[in-house]
Protein backbone atom coordinates (compact mmCIF):
# COMPACT_ATOMS: atom_id res chain seq x y z
CA UNK A 1 109.96 131.66 85.09
CA UNK A 2 108.71 134.97 83.99
CA UNK A 3 104.99 135.26 83.06
CA UNK A 4 103.74 135.82 79.61
CA UNK A 5 100.33 137.40 79.67
CA UNK A 6 100.10 137.65 75.84
CA UNK A 7 100.51 133.98 75.17
CA UNK A 8 98.54 132.94 78.17
CA UNK A 9 95.60 135.07 76.96
CA UNK A 10 95.77 133.39 73.53
CA UNK A 11 95.54 129.92 75.24
CA UNK A 12 92.56 131.26 77.29
CA UNK A 13 90.89 132.45 74.14
CA UNK A 14 91.34 129.09 72.44
CA UNK A 15 90.11 127.23 75.52
CA UNK A 16 86.95 129.49 75.61
CA UNK A 17 86.31 128.59 71.92
CA UNK A 18 86.85 124.91 71.96
CA UNK A 19 86.68 123.90 75.72
CA UNK A 20 87.87 120.35 76.48
CA UNK A 21 88.94 119.82 72.94
CA UNK A 22 92.00 121.77 73.86
CA UNK A 23 94.05 118.80 74.99
CA UNK A 24 97.47 120.19 76.05
CA UNK A 25 99.64 123.32 75.88
CA UNK A 26 103.32 124.14 76.18
CA UNK A 27 104.47 127.72 76.73
CA UNK A 28 107.96 129.04 76.85
CA UNK A 29 107.45 132.49 78.32
CA UNK A 30 108.42 135.40 76.06
CA UNK A 31 109.36 132.88 73.27
CA UNK A 32 106.81 130.57 71.90
CA UNK A 33 103.68 128.42 72.51
CA UNK A 34 102.46 125.06 71.31
CA UNK A 35 98.88 123.82 71.45
CA UNK A 36 97.45 120.32 70.75
CA UNK A 37 93.84 120.03 69.98
CA UNK A 38 91.39 117.10 69.40
CA UNK A 39 90.95 116.08 65.60
CA UNK A 40 87.32 117.11 65.76
CA UNK A 41 88.30 120.62 66.68
CA UNK A 42 91.03 121.04 63.96
CA UNK A 43 88.98 123.47 61.91
CA UNK A 44 87.37 125.09 65.00
CA UNK A 45 90.73 125.85 66.44
CA UNK A 46 91.91 127.46 63.19
CA UNK A 47 88.78 129.66 63.05
CA UNK A 48 89.18 130.59 66.71
CA UNK A 49 92.78 131.63 66.34
CA UNK A 50 91.99 133.56 63.17
CA UNK A 51 89.15 135.39 64.98
CA UNK A 52 91.57 136.75 67.58
CA UNK A 53 94.17 138.08 65.03
CA UNK A 54 96.10 135.02 63.73
CA UNK A 55 95.32 135.95 59.99
CA UNK A 56 98.85 134.93 58.69
CA UNK A 57 99.10 131.37 57.64
CA UNK A 58 102.73 130.12 57.82
CA UNK A 59 102.66 126.46 56.99
CA UNK A 60 100.90 123.13 57.49
CA UNK A 61 102.38 119.75 57.40
CA UNK A 62 102.48 116.39 59.18
CA UNK A 63 105.24 114.44 61.09
CA UNK A 64 105.65 110.67 61.51
CA UNK A 65 106.89 110.16 65.04
CA UNK A 66 107.76 106.51 64.45
CA UNK A 67 111.56 105.90 64.70
CA UNK A 68 113.05 105.02 61.29
CA UNK A 69 113.57 101.23 60.97
CA UNK A 70 116.50 101.95 58.73
CA UNK A 71 118.61 103.82 61.31
CA UNK A 72 119.65 107.52 61.49
CA UNK A 73 121.71 109.50 59.02
CA UNK A 74 124.33 110.44 61.59
CA UNK A 75 125.00 106.83 62.50
CA UNK A 76 128.38 105.21 61.35
CA UNK A 77 127.85 104.61 57.58
CA UNK A 78 130.61 101.77 57.71
CA UNK A 79 128.47 99.74 60.14
CA UNK A 80 126.53 96.79 58.59
CA UNK A 81 122.95 97.85 57.90
CA UNK A 82 120.27 96.59 60.33
CA UNK A 83 117.32 94.70 59.16
CA UNK A 84 114.23 96.99 59.06
CA UNK A 85 111.95 96.56 62.08
CA UNK A 86 108.61 98.36 62.41
CA UNK A 87 108.74 98.20 66.19
CA UNK A 88 112.34 99.44 66.56
CA UNK A 89 112.28 102.06 69.33
CA UNK A 90 109.32 103.78 71.02
CA UNK A 91 107.25 106.59 69.60
CA UNK A 92 107.95 109.76 71.47
CA UNK A 93 106.10 112.86 70.44
CA UNK A 94 107.39 116.39 71.00
CA UNK A 95 105.97 119.30 72.94
CA UNK A 96 102.26 118.74 74.11
CA UNK A 97 102.71 115.02 73.51
CA UNK A 98 100.29 112.86 71.53
CA UNK A 99 98.75 109.51 71.17
CA UNK A 100 99.23 108.64 67.45
CA UNK A 101 102.00 107.89 65.10
CA UNK A 102 101.07 110.72 62.78
CA UNK A 103 100.40 114.36 63.81
CA UNK A 104 99.44 117.50 61.92
CA UNK A 105 101.33 120.57 62.47
CA UNK A 106 100.47 124.13 61.53
CA UNK A 107 101.93 127.56 62.37
CA UNK A 108 99.90 130.67 62.54
CA UNK A 109 100.99 134.26 63.21
CA UNK A 110 99.42 137.50 64.54
CA UNK A 111 101.31 140.15 62.66
CA UNK A 112 99.98 143.05 64.82
CA UNK A 113 101.07 141.50 68.11
CA UNK A 114 104.08 139.80 66.71
CA UNK A 115 103.35 136.39 68.14
CA UNK A 116 102.93 132.87 66.62
CA UNK A 117 101.36 129.61 67.57
CA UNK A 118 102.15 126.07 66.70
CA UNK A 119 98.96 124.08 66.51
CA UNK A 120 99.18 120.30 66.70
CA UNK A 121 96.56 117.50 66.25
CA UNK A 122 96.73 113.71 66.43
CA UNK A 123 95.75 112.20 63.13
CA UNK A 124 93.12 109.48 63.54
CA UNK A 125 93.66 105.85 62.25
CA UNK A 126 91.49 106.71 59.23
CA UNK A 127 94.30 109.16 58.17
CA UNK A 128 91.67 111.63 57.22
CA UNK A 129 91.49 115.28 58.30
CA UNK A 130 89.20 118.18 57.45
CA UNK A 131 90.62 120.71 55.10
CA UNK A 132 91.64 124.32 56.20
CA UNK A 133 91.36 125.88 52.85
CA UNK A 134 88.01 127.55 53.78
CA UNK A 135 89.86 129.20 56.65
CA UNK A 136 93.25 129.76 55.18
CA UNK A 137 93.41 129.60 51.36
CA UNK A 138 97.16 129.24 51.55
CA UNK A 139 96.62 125.74 53.11
CA UNK A 140 95.79 124.37 49.74
CA UNK A 141 99.10 123.27 48.42
CA UNK A 142 100.40 122.45 51.93
CA UNK A 143 97.63 119.88 52.29
CA UNK A 144 98.36 118.51 48.80
CA UNK A 145 101.99 118.11 49.82
CA UNK A 146 101.01 116.40 53.06
CA UNK A 147 98.69 114.10 51.24
CA UNK A 148 101.38 113.21 48.72
CA UNK A 149 104.26 112.57 51.25
CA UNK A 150 102.39 111.18 54.16
CA UNK A 151 99.19 109.55 52.75
CA UNK A 152 96.75 111.79 54.79
CA UNK A 153 93.46 112.75 53.10
CA UNK A 154 91.86 116.11 53.62
CA UNK A 155 88.07 116.09 53.49
CA UNK A 156 86.68 118.92 51.45
CA UNK A 157 89.83 119.65 49.52
CA UNK A 158 88.90 120.19 45.87
CA UNK A 159 92.09 118.97 44.27
CA UNK A 160 94.46 116.44 46.04
CA UNK A 161 96.71 115.99 43.04
CA UNK A 162 100.47 115.30 43.49
CA UNK A 163 102.80 118.35 43.43
CA UNK A 164 106.08 116.53 42.94
CA UNK A 165 105.78 112.86 42.27
CA UNK A 166 104.31 111.16 39.17
CA UNK A 167 100.63 110.31 39.50
CA UNK A 168 101.33 106.62 39.36
CA UNK A 169 103.93 106.79 42.12
CA UNK A 170 103.35 104.23 44.98
CA UNK A 171 104.14 104.96 48.58
CA UNK A 172 104.59 107.96 50.76
CA UNK A 173 108.34 109.20 50.85
CA UNK A 174 108.15 111.01 54.17
CA UNK A 175 106.83 108.11 56.14
CA UNK A 176 109.59 106.61 58.26
CA UNK A 177 109.01 103.16 57.00
CA UNK A 178 109.35 104.18 53.31
CA UNK A 179 112.63 102.58 51.98
CA UNK A 180 115.00 105.12 50.58
CA UNK A 181 116.80 102.92 48.01
CA UNK A 182 119.76 105.36 47.61
CA UNK A 183 120.57 104.84 51.32
CA UNK A 184 120.27 101.08 51.03
CA UNK A 185 122.68 100.93 48.14
CA UNK A 186 125.19 103.50 49.62
CA UNK A 187 124.86 104.31 53.35
CA UNK A 188 124.13 107.88 54.16
CA UNK A 189 127.53 109.84 54.36
CA UNK A 190 127.10 110.94 58.03
CA UNK A 191 129.90 112.61 59.80
CA UNK A 192 132.59 110.11 59.33
CA UNK A 193 132.58 109.75 55.63
CA UNK A 194 135.39 111.98 54.62
CA UNK A 195 136.55 112.11 50.98
CA UNK A 196 140.19 112.70 49.97
CA UNK A 197 141.02 116.09 48.49
CA UNK A 198 141.29 115.96 44.68
CA UNK A 199 144.86 115.26 43.29
CA UNK A 200 146.17 113.66 46.38
CA UNK A 201 147.78 110.22 46.05
CA UNK A 202 147.91 107.70 48.87
CA UNK A 203 151.26 109.02 50.16
CA UNK A 204 150.05 112.58 50.18
CA UNK A 205 146.87 111.51 52.07
CA UNK A 206 148.92 109.62 54.73
CA UNK A 207 151.18 112.66 55.11
CA UNK A 208 148.20 115.07 55.41
CA UNK A 209 146.51 112.85 57.95
CA UNK A 210 149.58 112.63 60.23
CA UNK A 211 149.32 114.99 63.29
CA UNK A 212 151.76 117.71 63.40
CA UNK A 213 152.62 117.41 59.71
CA UNK A 214 152.97 120.83 57.83
CA UNK A 215 152.24 121.06 54.24
């Protein structure tokens, strides 16, 4: 594999700033880099990266690594629905791994050097993380959305109001165990749910579906 002094140097800078709280890295030379830090270093990592040129905040969100107990959208929609099971499948985190069901994800960019970093962090069981808005003001509504959709609190955030859902809404729609009633009433279309063309009757459909038939 070719080397990548630029991204290796960024990892070294971050390691110098937060030490052992830099838990893991994954580097694709000349392409991208992922970094996982300890929850206690979430803000320190943001400050460290900003100090070496990562002044552009792209996004912040979370991910629920628990496999959906309701199946996947690409599965056969004609199959009978399975009973929800919280322990269906094993949790497998992505690049740089992890130890918790929920993880924070943030993307930062150095516009002068044309390089970006994906920062990851395991969310503790308290589902509470420190806010980034004092480092990147743009994190404000991203944290509100993450709070609303995943139920993660952000200590120090001045206004964790819902962005999309009514204030009295119960549950967190982007958690894998949140039941999407529309899918339970009608299975997700998937790739095998093909609707007939408008205006075709049964005979026309049969002829159109027959191999080698010309219209």
